[in-house]
PDB file of all heavy atoms in Angstrom:
ATOM      1  N   LEU A   1     149.363 102.907 113.286  1.00  0.00           N
ATOM      2  CA  LEU A   1     148.775 104.177 113.520  1.00  0.00           C
ATOM      3  C   LEU A   1     149.317 104.701 114.874  1.00  0.00           C
ATOM      4  O   LEU A   1     148.874 104.222 115.904  1.00  0.00           O
ATOM      5  CB  LEU A   1     147.219 104.062 113.577  1.00  0.00           C
ATOM      6  CG  LEU A   1     146.480 105.368 113.931  1.00  0.00           C
ATOM      7  CD1 LEU A   1     146.727 106.436 112.886  1.00  0.00           C
ATOM      8  CD2 LEU A   1     144.977 105.082 114.053  1.00  0.00           C
ATOM      9  N   GLY A   2     150.224 105.610 114.801  1.00  0.00           N
ATOM     10  CA  GLY A   2     150.807 106.114 116.055  1.00  0.00           C
ATOM     11  C   GLY A   2     151.503 105.021 116.820  1.00  0.00           C
ATOM     12  O   GLY A   2     152.306 104.274 116.288  1.00  0.00           O
ATOM     13  N   GLN A   3     151.079 104.898 118.116  1.00  0.00           N
ATOM     14  CA  GLN A   3     151.682 103.884 118.955  1.00  0.00           C
ATOM     15  C   GLN A   3     150.951 102.572 118.890  1.00  0.00           C
ATOM     16  O   GLN A   3     151.227 101.656 119.672  1.00  0.00           O
ATOM     17  CB  GLN A   3     151.780 104.391 120.425  1.00  0.00           C
ATOM     18  CG  GLN A   3     152.670 105.611 120.607  1.00  0.00           C
ATOM     19  CD  GLN A   3     154.013 105.485 119.940  1.00  0.00           C
ATOM     20  OE1 GLN A   3     154.326 106.185 118.981  1.00  0.00           O
ATOM     21  NE2 GLN A   3     154.786 104.544 120.435  1.00  0.00           N
ATOM     22  N   ARG A   4     149.960 102.481 118.039  1.00  0.00           N
ATOM     23  CA  ARG A   4     149.238 101.230 117.808  1.00  0.00           C
ATOM     24  C   ARG A   4     149.757 100.547 116.571  1.00  0.00           C
ATOM     25  O   ARG A   4     149.909 101.226 115.485  1.00  0.00           O
ATOM     26  CB  ARG A   4     147.712 101.460 117.694  1.00  0.00           C
ATOM     27  CG  ARG A   4     147.014 102.020 118.949  1.00  0.00           C
ATOM     28  CD  ARG A   4     145.528 102.055 118.654  1.00  0.00           C
ATOM     29  NE  ARG A   4     144.784 102.446 119.835  1.00  0.00           N
ATOM     30  CZ  ARG A   4     144.413 103.688 120.120  1.00  0.00           C
ATOM     31  NH1 ARG A   4     144.747 104.664 119.259  1.00  0.00           N
ATOM     32  NH2 ARG A   4     143.707 103.996 121.165  1.00  0.00           N
ATOM     33  N   LEU A   5     149.899  99.267 116.605  1.00  0.00           N
ATOM     34  CA  LEU A   5     150.294  98.453 115.415  1.00  0.00           C
ATOM     35  C   LEU A   5     149.381  97.245 115.401  1.00  0.00           C
ATOM     36  O   LEU A   5     149.660  96.281 116.064  1.00  0.00           O
ATOM     37  CB  LEU A   5     151.752  98.058 115.464  1.00  0.00           C
ATOM     38  CG  LEU A   5     152.222  97.186 114.307  1.00  0.00           C
ATOM     39  CD1 LEU A   5     151.951  97.881 112.976  1.00  0.00           C
ATOM     40  CD2 LEU A   5     153.749  96.992 114.382  1.00  0.00           C
ATOM     41  N   ALA A   6     148.245  97.346 114.667  1.00  0.00           N
ATOM     42  CA  ALA A   6     147.292  96.251 114.552  1.00  0.00           C
ATOM     43  C   ALA A   6     147.781  95.340 113.441  1.00  0.00           C
ATOM     44  O   ALA A   6     148.166  95.776 112.357  1.00  0.00           O
ATOM     45  CB  ALA A   6     145.910  96.787 114.245  1.00  0.00           C
ATOM     46  N   LEU A   7     147.769  94.057 113.710  1.00  0.00           N
ATOM     47  CA  LEU A   7     148.132  93.019 112.782  1.00  0.00           C
ATOM     48  C   LEU A   7     146.933  92.184 112.410  1.00  0.00           C
ATOM     49  O   LEU A   7     146.367  91.407 113.225  1.00  0.00           O
ATOM     50  CB  LEU A   7     149.252  92.126 113.412  1.00  0.00           C
ATOM     51  CG  LEU A   7     150.496  92.851 113.892  1.00  0.00           C
ATOM     52  CD1 LEU A   7     151.452  91.893 114.572  1.00  0.00           C
ATOM     53  CD2 LEU A   7     151.233  93.542 112.675  1.00  0.00           C
ATOM     54  N   MET A   8     146.496  92.315 111.138  1.00  0.00           N
ATOM     55  CA  MET A   8     145.263  91.659 110.716  1.00  0.00           C
ATOM     56  C   MET A   8     145.594  90.258 110.173  1.00  0.00           C
ATOM     57  O   MET A   8     146.427  90.116 109.275  1.00  0.00           O
ATOM     58  CB  MET A   8     144.526  92.479 109.659  1.00  0.00           C
ATOM     59  CG  MET A   8     144.291  93.925 109.979  1.00  0.00           C
ATOM     60  SD  MET A   8     143.108  94.101 111.300  1.00  0.00           S
ATOM     61  CE  MET A   8     142.980  95.926 111.391  1.00  0.00           C
ATOM     62  N   LYS A   9     144.911  89.274 110.656  1.00  0.00           N
ATOM     63  CA  LYS A   9     145.026  87.896 110.144  1.00  0.00           C
ATOM     64  C   LYS A   9     143.614  87.505 109.564  1.00  0.00           C
ATOM     65  O   LYS A   9     142.666  87.456 110.306  1.00  0.00           O
ATOM     66  CB  LYS A   9     145.364  86.903 111.256  1.00  0.00           C
ATOM     67  CG  LYS A   9     145.214  85.445 110.951  1.00  0.00           C
ATOM     68  CD  LYS A   9     146.221  84.956 109.981  1.00  0.00           C
ATOM     69  CE  LYS A   9     147.590  84.800 110.535  1.00  0.00           C
ATOM     70  NZ  LYS A   9     148.556  84.172 109.592  1.00  0.00           N
ATOM     71  N   ILE A  10     143.603  87.315 108.267  1.00  0.00           N
ATOM     72  CA  ILE A  10     142.322  86.931 107.606  1.00  0.00           C
ATOM     73  C   ILE A  10     142.005  85.486 108.058  1.00  0.00           C
ATOM     74  O   ILE A  10     142.831  84.592 107.854  1.00  0.00           O
ATOM     75  CB  ILE A  10     142.366  87.102 106.148  1.00  0.00           C
ATOM     76  CG1 ILE A  10     142.469  88.536 105.743  1.00  0.00           C
ATOM     77  CG2 ILE A  10     141.085  86.485 105.475  1.00  0.00           C
ATOM     78  CD1 ILE A  10     142.524  88.836 104.278  1.00  0.00           C
ATOM     79  N   VAL A  11     140.813  85.256 108.565  1.00  0.00           N
ATOM     80  CA  VAL A  11     140.371  83.958 108.995  1.00  0.00           C
ATOM     81  C   VAL A  11     139.153  83.618 108.182  1.00  0.00           C
ATOM     82  O   VAL A  11     138.112  84.284 108.308  1.00  0.00           O
ATOM     83  CB  VAL A  11     140.042  83.935 110.534  1.00  0.00           C
ATOM     84  CG1 VAL A  11     139.536  82.599 110.921  1.00  0.00           C
ATOM     85  CG2 VAL A  11     141.265  84.342 111.281  1.00  0.00           C
ATOM     86  N   GLN A  12     139.286  82.611 107.334  1.00  0.00           N
ATOM     87  CA  GLN A  12     138.164  82.270 106.404  1.00  0.00           C
ATOM     88  C   GLN A  12     137.222  81.211 107.086  1.00  0.00           C
ATOM     89  O   GLN A  12     137.677  80.134 107.372  1.00  0.00           O
ATOM     90  CB  GLN A  12     138.726  81.723 105.110  1.00  0.00           C
ATOM     91  CG  GLN A  12     137.674  81.391 104.081  1.00  0.00           C
ATOM     92  CD  GLN A  12     136.901  82.580 103.648  1.00  0.00           C
ATOM     93  OE1 GLN A  12     137.442  83.596 103.234  1.00  0.00           O
ATOM     94  NE2 GLN A  12     135.575  82.470 103.729  1.00  0.00           N
ATOM     95  N   ALA A  13     135.971  81.588 107.212  1.00  0.00           N
ATOM     96  CA  ALA A  13     134.989  80.707 107.785  1.00  0.00           C
ATOM     97  C   ALA A  13     134.288  79.870 106.714  1.00  0.00           C
ATOM     98  O   ALA A  13     134.312  80.194 105.523  1.00  0.00           O
ATOM     99  CB  ALA A  13     133.958  81.500 108.582  1.00  0.00           C
ATOM    100  N   LYS A  14     133.678  78.776 107.157  1.00  0.00           N
ATOM    101  CA  LYS A  14     133.041  77.876 106.197  1.00  0.00           C
ATOM    102  C   LYS A  14     131.576  78.230 106.001  1.00  0.00           C
ATOM    103  O   LYS A  14     130.993  77.827 104.995  1.00  0.00           O
ATOM    104  CB  LYS A  14     133.104  76.454 106.773  1.00  0.00           C
ATOM    105  CG  LYS A  14     134.579  75.915 106.865  1.00  0.00           C
ATOM    106  CD  LYS A  14     134.614  74.551 107.449  1.00  0.00           C
ATOM    107  CE  LYS A  14     136.046  74.014 107.597  1.00  0.00           C
ATOM    108  NZ  LYS A  14     136.090  72.657 108.233  1.00  0.00           N
ATOM    109  N   ASP A  15     130.981  78.980 106.949  1.00  0.00           N
ATOM    110  CA  ASP A  15     129.558  79.284 106.900  1.00  0.00           C
ATOM    111  C   ASP A  15     129.322  80.682 106.284  1.00  0.00           C
ATOM    112  O   ASP A  15     130.208  81.532 106.226  1.00  0.00           O
ATOM    113  CB  ASP A  15     128.887  79.187 108.232  1.00  0.00           C
ATOM    114  CG  ASP A  15     128.756  77.761 108.732  1.00  0.00           C
ATOM    115  OD1 ASP A  15     128.813  76.839 107.945  1.00  0.00           O
ATOM    116  OD2 ASP A  15     128.557  77.574 109.962  1.00  0.00           O
ATOM    117  N   SER A  16     128.073  80.916 105.957  1.00  0.00           N
ATOM    118  CA  SER A  16     127.661  82.253 105.470  1.00  0.00           C
ATOM    119  C   SER A  16     127.677  83.311 106.629  1.00  0.00           C
ATOM    120  O   SER A  16     127.671  82.912 107.781  1.00  0.00           O
ATOM    121  CB  SER A  16     126.262  82.198 104.838  1.00  0.00           C
ATOM    122  OG  SER A  16     125.312  81.929 105.825  1.00  0.00           O
ATOM    123  N   ALA A  17     127.632  84.563 106.256  1.00  0.00           N
ATOM    124  CA  ALA A  17     127.637  85.618 107.295  1.00  0.00           C
ATOM    125  C   ALA A  17     126.375  85.478 108.156  1.00  0.00           C
ATOM    126  O   ALA A  17     126.401  85.628 109.391  1.00  0.00           O
ATOM    127  CB  ALA A  17     127.680  86.969 106.642  1.00  0.00           C
ATOM    128  N   ALA A  18     125.205  85.185 107.522  1.00  0.00           N
ATOM    129  CA  ALA A  18     123.995  85.063 108.292  1.00  0.00           C
ATOM    130  C   ALA A  18     124.040  83.918 109.285  1.00  0.00           C
ATOM    131  O   ALA A  18     123.625  84.074 110.440  1.00  0.00           O
ATOM    132  CB  ALA A  18     122.750  84.907 107.345  1.00  0.00           C
ATOM    133  N   ALA A  19     124.550  82.785 108.854  1.00  0.00           N
ATOM    134  CA  ALA A  19     124.657  81.630 109.736  1.00  0.00           C
ATOM    135  C   ALA A  19     125.633  81.869 110.869  1.00  0.00           C
ATOM    136  O   ALA A  19     125.395  81.558 112.088  1.00  0.00           O
ATOM    137  CB  ALA A  19     125.062  80.393 108.941  1.00  0.00           C
ATOM    138  N   LEU A  20     126.813  82.464 110.530  1.00  0.00           N
ATOM    139  CA  LEU A  20     127.737  82.805 111.587  1.00  0.00           C
ATOM    140  C   LEU A  20     127.208  83.826 112.623  1.00  0.00           C
ATOM    141  O   LEU A  20     127.379  83.630 113.807  1.00  0.00           O
ATOM    142  CB  LEU A  20     128.998  83.415 110.946  1.00  0.00           C
ATOM    143  CG  LEU A  20     129.909  82.444 110.155  1.00  0.00           C
ATOM    144  CD1 LEU A  20     130.936  83.246 109.335  1.00  0.00           C
ATOM    145  CD2 LEU A  20     130.577  81.458 111.059  1.00  0.00           C
ATOM    146  N   ARG A  21     126.506  84.793 112.130  1.00  0.00           N
ATOM    147  CA  ARG A  21     125.918  85.801 112.997  1.00  0.00           C
ATOM    148  C   ARG A  21     124.955  85.175 113.996  1.00  0.00           C
ATOM    149  O   ARG A  21     124.996  85.455 115.181  1.00  0.00           O
ATOM    150  CB  ARG A  21     125.251  86.901 112.247  1.00  0.00           C
ATOM    151  CG  ARG A  21     124.676  88.049 113.057  1.00  0.00           C
ATOM    152  CD  ARG A  21     124.210  89.204 112.152  1.00  0.00           C
ATOM    153  NE  ARG A  21     123.656  90.293 112.913  1.00  0.00           N
ATOM    154  CZ  ARG A  21     122.374  90.374 113.228  1.00  0.00           C
ATOM    155  NH1 ARG A  21     121.498  89.511 112.796  1.00  0.00           N
ATOM    156  NH2 ARG A  21     121.960  91.453 113.946  1.00  0.00           N
ATOM    157  N   GLU A  22     124.096  84.315 113.481  1.00  0.00           N
ATOM    158  CA  GLU A  22     123.136  83.674 114.404  1.00  0.00           C
ATOM    159  C   GLU A  22     123.838  82.729 115.407  1.00  0.00           C
ATOM    160  O   GLU A  22     123.420  82.694 116.559  1.00  0.00           O
ATOM    161  CB  GLU A  22     122.106  82.851 113.534  1.00  0.00           C
ATOM    162  CG  GLU A  22     121.164  83.797 112.812  1.00  0.00           C
ATOM    163  CD  GLU A  22     120.485  84.800 113.711  1.00  0.00           C
ATOM    164  OE1 GLU A  22     119.924  84.462 114.745  1.00  0.00           O
ATOM    165  OE2 GLU A  22     120.584  85.988 113.346  1.00  0.00           O
ATOM    166  N   ARG A  23     124.844  81.991 114.981  1.00  0.00           N
ATOM    167  CA  ARG A  23     125.585  81.143 115.905  1.00  0.00           C
ATOM    168  C   ARG A  23     126.276  81.946 116.971  1.00  0.00           C
ATOM    169  O   ARG A  23     126.242  81.591 118.170  1.00  0.00           O
ATOM    170  CB  ARG A  23     126.580  80.297 115.126  1.00  0.00           C
ATOM    171  CG  ARG A  23     126.052  79.194 114.310  1.00  0.00           C
ATOM    172  CD  ARG A  23     127.132  78.384 113.651  1.00  0.00           C
ATOM    173  NE  ARG A  23     128.067  77.840 114.662  1.00  0.00           N
ATOM    174  CZ  ARG A  23     129.219  77.187 114.355  1.00  0.00           C
ATOM    175  NH1 ARG A  23     129.594  77.070 113.081  1.00  0.00           N
ATOM    176  NH2 ARG A  23     129.981  76.744 115.326  1.00  0.00           N
ATOM    177  N   ILE A  24     126.869  83.040 116.589  1.00  0.00           N
ATOM    178  CA  ILE A  24     127.622  83.854 117.585  1.00  0.00           C
ATOM    179  C   ILE A  24     126.625  84.519 118.498  1.00  0.00           C
ATOM    180  O   ILE A  24     126.872  84.606 119.708  1.00  0.00           O
ATOM    181  CB  ILE A  24     128.529  84.871 116.852  1.00  0.00           C
ATOM    182  CG1 ILE A  24     129.570  84.140 116.000  1.00  0.00           C
ATOM    183  CG2 ILE A  24     129.143  85.794 117.860  1.00  0.00           C
ATOM    184  CD1 ILE A  24     130.392  85.054 115.107  1.00  0.00           C
ATOM    185  N   ARG A  25     125.520  85.023 117.967  1.00  0.00           N
ATOM    186  CA  ARG A  25     124.514  85.638 118.851  1.00  0.00           C
ATOM    187  C   ARG A  25     123.945  84.676 119.880  1.00  0.00           C
ATOM    188  O   ARG A  25     123.717  85.025 121.011  1.00  0.00           O
ATOM    189  CB  ARG A  25     123.383  86.277 117.983  1.00  0.00           C
ATOM    190  CG  ARG A  25     123.832  87.485 117.201  1.00  0.00           C
ATOM    191  CD  ARG A  25     122.661  88.055 116.388  1.00  0.00           C
ATOM    192  NE  ARG A  25     121.560  88.552 117.205  1.00  0.00           N
ATOM    193  CZ  ARG A  25     120.411  88.910 116.768  1.00  0.00           C
ATOM    194  NH1 ARG A  25     120.155  88.865 115.487  1.00  0.00           N
ATOM    195  NH2 ARG A  25     119.508  89.387 117.589  1.00  0.00           N
ATOM    196  N   ALA A  26     123.758  83.437 119.472  1.00  0.00           N
ATOM    197  CA  ALA A  26     123.281  82.378 120.396  1.00  0.00           C
ATOM    198  C   ALA A  26     124.319  82.196 121.462  1.00  0.00           C
ATOM    199  O   ALA A  26     123.956  81.948 122.652  1.00  0.00           O
ATOM    200  CB  ALA A  26     122.890  81.131 119.639  1.00  0.00           C
ATOM    201  N   PHE A  27     125.555  82.123 121.090  1.00  0.00           N
ATOM    202  CA  PHE A  27     126.626  81.931 122.015  1.00  0.00           C
ATOM    203  C   PHE A  27     126.690  83.097 123.050  1.00  0.00           C
ATOM    204  O   PHE A  27     126.786  82.865 124.282  1.00  0.00           O
ATOM    205  CB  PHE A  27     127.996  81.784 121.347  1.00  0.00           C
ATOM    206  CG  PHE A  27     129.164  81.861 122.259  1.00  0.00           C
ATOM    207  CD1 PHE A  27     129.503  80.756 123.049  1.00  0.00           C
ATOM    208  CD2 PHE A  27     129.943  83.014 122.379  1.00  0.00           C
ATOM    209  CE1 PHE A  27     130.610  80.861 123.905  1.00  0.00           C
ATOM    210  CE2 PHE A  27     131.028  83.046 123.191  1.00  0.00           C
ATOM    211  CZ  PHE A  27     131.373  81.969 123.973  1.00  0.00           C
ATOM    212  N   LEU A  28     126.555  84.325 122.541  1.00  0.00           N
ATOM    213  CA  LEU A  28     126.632  85.454 123.471  1.00  0.00           C
ATOM    214  C   LEU A  28     125.447  85.477 124.432  1.00  0.00           C
ATOM    215  O   LEU A  28     125.597  85.804 125.607  1.00  0.00           O
ATOM    216  CB  LEU A  28     126.599  86.769 122.644  1.00  0.00           C
ATOM    217  CG  LEU A  28     127.776  86.967 121.649  1.00  0.00           C
ATOM    218  CD1 LEU A  28     127.594  88.265 120.880  1.00  0.00           C
ATOM    219  CD2 LEU A  28     129.100  87.014 122.456  1.00  0.00           C
ATOM    220  N   ALA A  29     124.308  85.006 123.932  1.00  0.00           N
ATOM    221  CA  ALA A  29     123.108  84.984 124.792  1.00  0.00           C
ATOM    222  C   ALA A  29     123.201  83.954 125.927  1.00  0.00           C
ATOM    223  O   ALA A  29     122.581  84.084 126.949  1.00  0.00           O
ATOM    224  CB  ALA A  29     121.858  84.661 123.945  1.00  0.00           C
ATOM    225  N   SER A  30     124.121  82.973 125.727  1.00  0.00           N
ATOM    226  CA  SER A  30     124.254  81.929 126.757  1.00  0.00           C
ATOM    227  C   SER A  30     125.301  82.297 127.835  1.00  0.00           C
ATOM    228  O   SER A  30     125.429  81.633 128.817  1.00  0.00           O
ATOM    229  CB  SER A  30     124.766  80.635 126.086  1.00  0.00           C
ATOM    230  OG  SER A  30     126.135  80.719 125.606  1.00  0.00           O
ATOM    231  N   GLN A  31     126.022  83.429 127.599  1.00  0.00           N
ATOM    232  CA  GLN A  31     127.031  83.856 128.557  1.00  0.00           C
ATOM    233  C   GLN A  31     126.473  84.798 129.596  1.00  0.00           C
ATOM    234  O   GLN A  31     125.548  85.613 129.322  1.00  0.00           O
ATOM    235  CB  GLN A  31     128.182  84.568 127.810  1.00  0.00           C
ATOM    236  CG  GLN A  31     128.775  83.671 126.716  1.00  0.00           C
ATOM    237  CD  GLN A  31     129.433  82.502 127.279  1.00  0.00           C
ATOM    238  OE1 GLN A  31     130.412  82.532 127.952  1.00  0.00           O
ATOM    239  NE2 GLN A  31     128.919  81.335 126.816  1.00  0.00           N
ATOM    240  N   ASN A  32     127.022  84.722 130.817  1.00  0.00           N
ATOM    241  CA  ASN A  32     126.589  85.643 131.889  1.00  0.00           C
ATOM    242  C   ASN A  32     127.062  87.123 131.602  1.00  0.00           C
ATOM    243  O   ASN A  32     126.266  88.052 131.833  1.00  0.00           O
ATOM    244  CB  ASN A  32     127.151  85.195 133.263  1.00  0.00           C
ATOM    245  CG  ASN A  32     126.489  83.947 133.743  1.00  0.00           C
ATOM    246  OD1 ASN A  32     125.330  83.680 133.426  1.00  0.00           O
ATOM    247  ND2 ASN A  32     127.267  83.152 134.493  1.00  0.00           N
ATOM    248  N   GLN A  33     128.272  87.252 131.145  1.00  0.00           N
ATOM    249  CA  GLN A  33     128.785  88.621 130.833  1.00  0.00           C
ATOM    250  C   GLN A  33     129.721  88.464 129.607  1.00  0.00           C
ATOM    251  O   GLN A  33     130.974  88.498 129.757  1.00  0.00           O
ATOM    252  CB  GLN A  33     129.537  89.196 132.025  1.00  0.00           C
ATOM    253  CG  GLN A  33     129.792  90.675 131.852  1.00  0.00           C
ATOM    254  CD  GLN A  33     130.402  91.264 133.102  1.00  0.00           C
ATOM    255  OE1 GLN A  33     131.469  90.874 133.517  1.00  0.00           O
ATOM    256  NE2 GLN A  33     129.719  92.225 133.702  1.00  0.00           N
ATOM    257  N   PRO A  34     129.168  88.334 128.419  1.00  0.00           N
ATOM    258  CA  PRO A  34     130.002  88.176 127.237  1.00  0.00           C
ATOM    259  C   PRO A  34     130.819  89.485 126.927  1.00  0.00           C
ATOM    260  O   PRO A  34     130.382  90.600 127.301  1.00  0.00           O
ATOM    261  CB  PRO A  34     128.997  87.914 126.122  1.00  0.00           C
ATOM    262  CG  PRO A  34     127.710  88.586 126.589  1.00  0.00           C
ATOM    263  CD  PRO A  34     127.719  88.399 128.093  1.00  0.00           C
ATOM    264  N   GLU A  35     131.959  89.275 126.340  1.00  0.00           N
ATOM    265  CA  GLU A  35     132.776  90.459 126.006  1.00  0.00           C
ATOM    266  C   GLU A  35     132.120  91.278 124.946  1.00  0.00           C
ATOM    267  O   GLU A  35     132.286  92.519 124.932  1.00  0.00           O
ATOM    268  CB  GLU A  35     134.197  89.975 125.520  1.00  0.00           C
ATOM    269  CG  GLU A  35     135.159  91.104 125.372  1.00  0.00           C
ATOM    270  CD  GLU A  35     136.597  90.626 125.194  1.00  0.00           C
ATOM    271  OE1 GLU A  35     136.807  89.404 125.344  1.00  0.00           O
ATOM    272  OE2 GLU A  35     137.477  91.509 124.957  1.00  0.00           O
ATOM    273  N   LEU A  36     131.363  90.651 124.065  1.00  0.00           N
ATOM    274  CA  LEU A  36     130.695  91.366 122.973  1.00  0.00           C
ATOM    275  C   LEU A  36     129.231  91.561 123.278  1.00  0.00           C
ATOM    276  O   LEU A  36     128.590  90.638 123.849  1.00  0.00           O
ATOM    277  CB  LEU A  36     130.825  90.599 121.661  1.00  0.00           C
ATOM    278  CG  LEU A  36     132.254  90.222 121.193  1.00  0.00           C
ATOM    279  CD1 LEU A  36     132.214  89.450 119.894  1.00  0.00           C
ATOM    280  CD2 LEU A  36     133.101  91.466 121.045  1.00  0.00           C
ATOM    281  N   SER A  37     128.697  92.677 122.862  1.00  0.00           N
ATOM    282  CA  SER A  37     127.232  92.907 123.020  1.00  0.00           C
ATOM    283  C   SER A  37     126.449  92.629 121.736  1.00  0.00           C
ATOM    284  O   SER A  37     125.214  92.629 121.730  1.00  0.00           O
ATOM    285  CB  SER A  37     127.001  94.344 123.479  1.00  0.00           C
ATOM    286  OG  SER A  37     127.414  95.260 122.501  1.00  0.00           O
ATOM    287  N   GLY A  38     127.193  92.477 120.644  1.00  0.00           N
ATOM    288  CA  GLY A  38     126.544  92.198 119.376  1.00  0.00           C
ATOM    289  C   GLY A  38     127.549  91.913 118.294  1.00  0.00           C
ATOM    290  O   GLY A  38     128.738  91.969 118.488  1.00  0.00           O
ATOM    291  N   ILE A  39     127.048  91.626 117.054  1.00  0.00           N
ATOM    292  CA  ILE A  39     127.843  91.316 115.866  1.00  0.00           C
ATOM    293  C   ILE A  39     127.395  92.233 114.747  1.00  0.00           C
ATOM    294  O   ILE A  39     126.233  92.429 114.440  1.00  0.00           O
ATOM    295  CB  ILE A  39     127.687  89.875 115.447  1.00  0.00           C
ATOM    296  CG1 ILE A  39     128.201  88.908 116.497  1.00  0.00           C
ATOM    297  CG2 ILE A  39     128.415  89.582 114.108  1.00  0.00           C
ATOM    298  CD1 ILE A  39     129.681  89.028 116.769  1.00  0.00           C
ATOM    299  N   HIS A  40     128.401  92.853 114.084  1.00  0.00           N
ATOM    300  CA  HIS A  40     128.162  93.787 112.989  1.00  0.00           C
ATOM    301  C   HIS A  40     128.740  93.127 111.730  1.00  0.00           C
ATOM    302  O   HIS A  40     129.902  92.770 111.677  1.00  0.00           O
ATOM    303  CB  HIS A  40     128.802  95.132 113.263  1.00  0.00           C
ATOM    304  CG  HIS A  40     128.575  96.139 112.171  1.00  0.00           C
ATOM    305  ND1 HIS A  40     127.343  96.703 111.976  1.00  0.00           N
ATOM    306  CD2 HIS A  40     129.442  96.671 111.254  1.00  0.00           C
ATOM    307  CE1 HIS A  40     127.442  97.545 110.944  1.00  0.00           C
ATOM    308  NE2 HIS A  40     128.660  97.529 110.472  1.00  0.00           N
ATOM    309  N   VAL A  41     127.909  93.000 110.693  1.00  0.00           N
ATOM    310  CA  VAL A  41     128.347  92.399 109.407  1.00  0.00           C
ATOM    311  C   VAL A  41     128.700  93.502 108.437  1.00  0.00           C
ATOM    312  O   VAL A  41     127.883  94.488 108.233  1.00  0.00           O
ATOM    313  CB  VAL A  41     127.263  91.521 108.831  1.00  0.00           C
ATOM    314  CG1 VAL A  41     127.616  90.923 107.484  1.00  0.00           C
ATOM    315  CG2 VAL A  41     126.949  90.370 109.849  1.00  0.00           C
TER     316      VAL A  41
END
C-alpha cells in the first residue's frame, strides 16, 4: 500500500482465543508501560 509493504506471517497458536486473550491481558497488566493497551479478537 503506497510506501508501506506489510508482510503477514500466519502464526498458529495452540490455545483458544479466549485463553490467549486472558494470558496476554495478564502479561500486559504486569508491565510498567506495555506497548499494547489491549487485545482485540
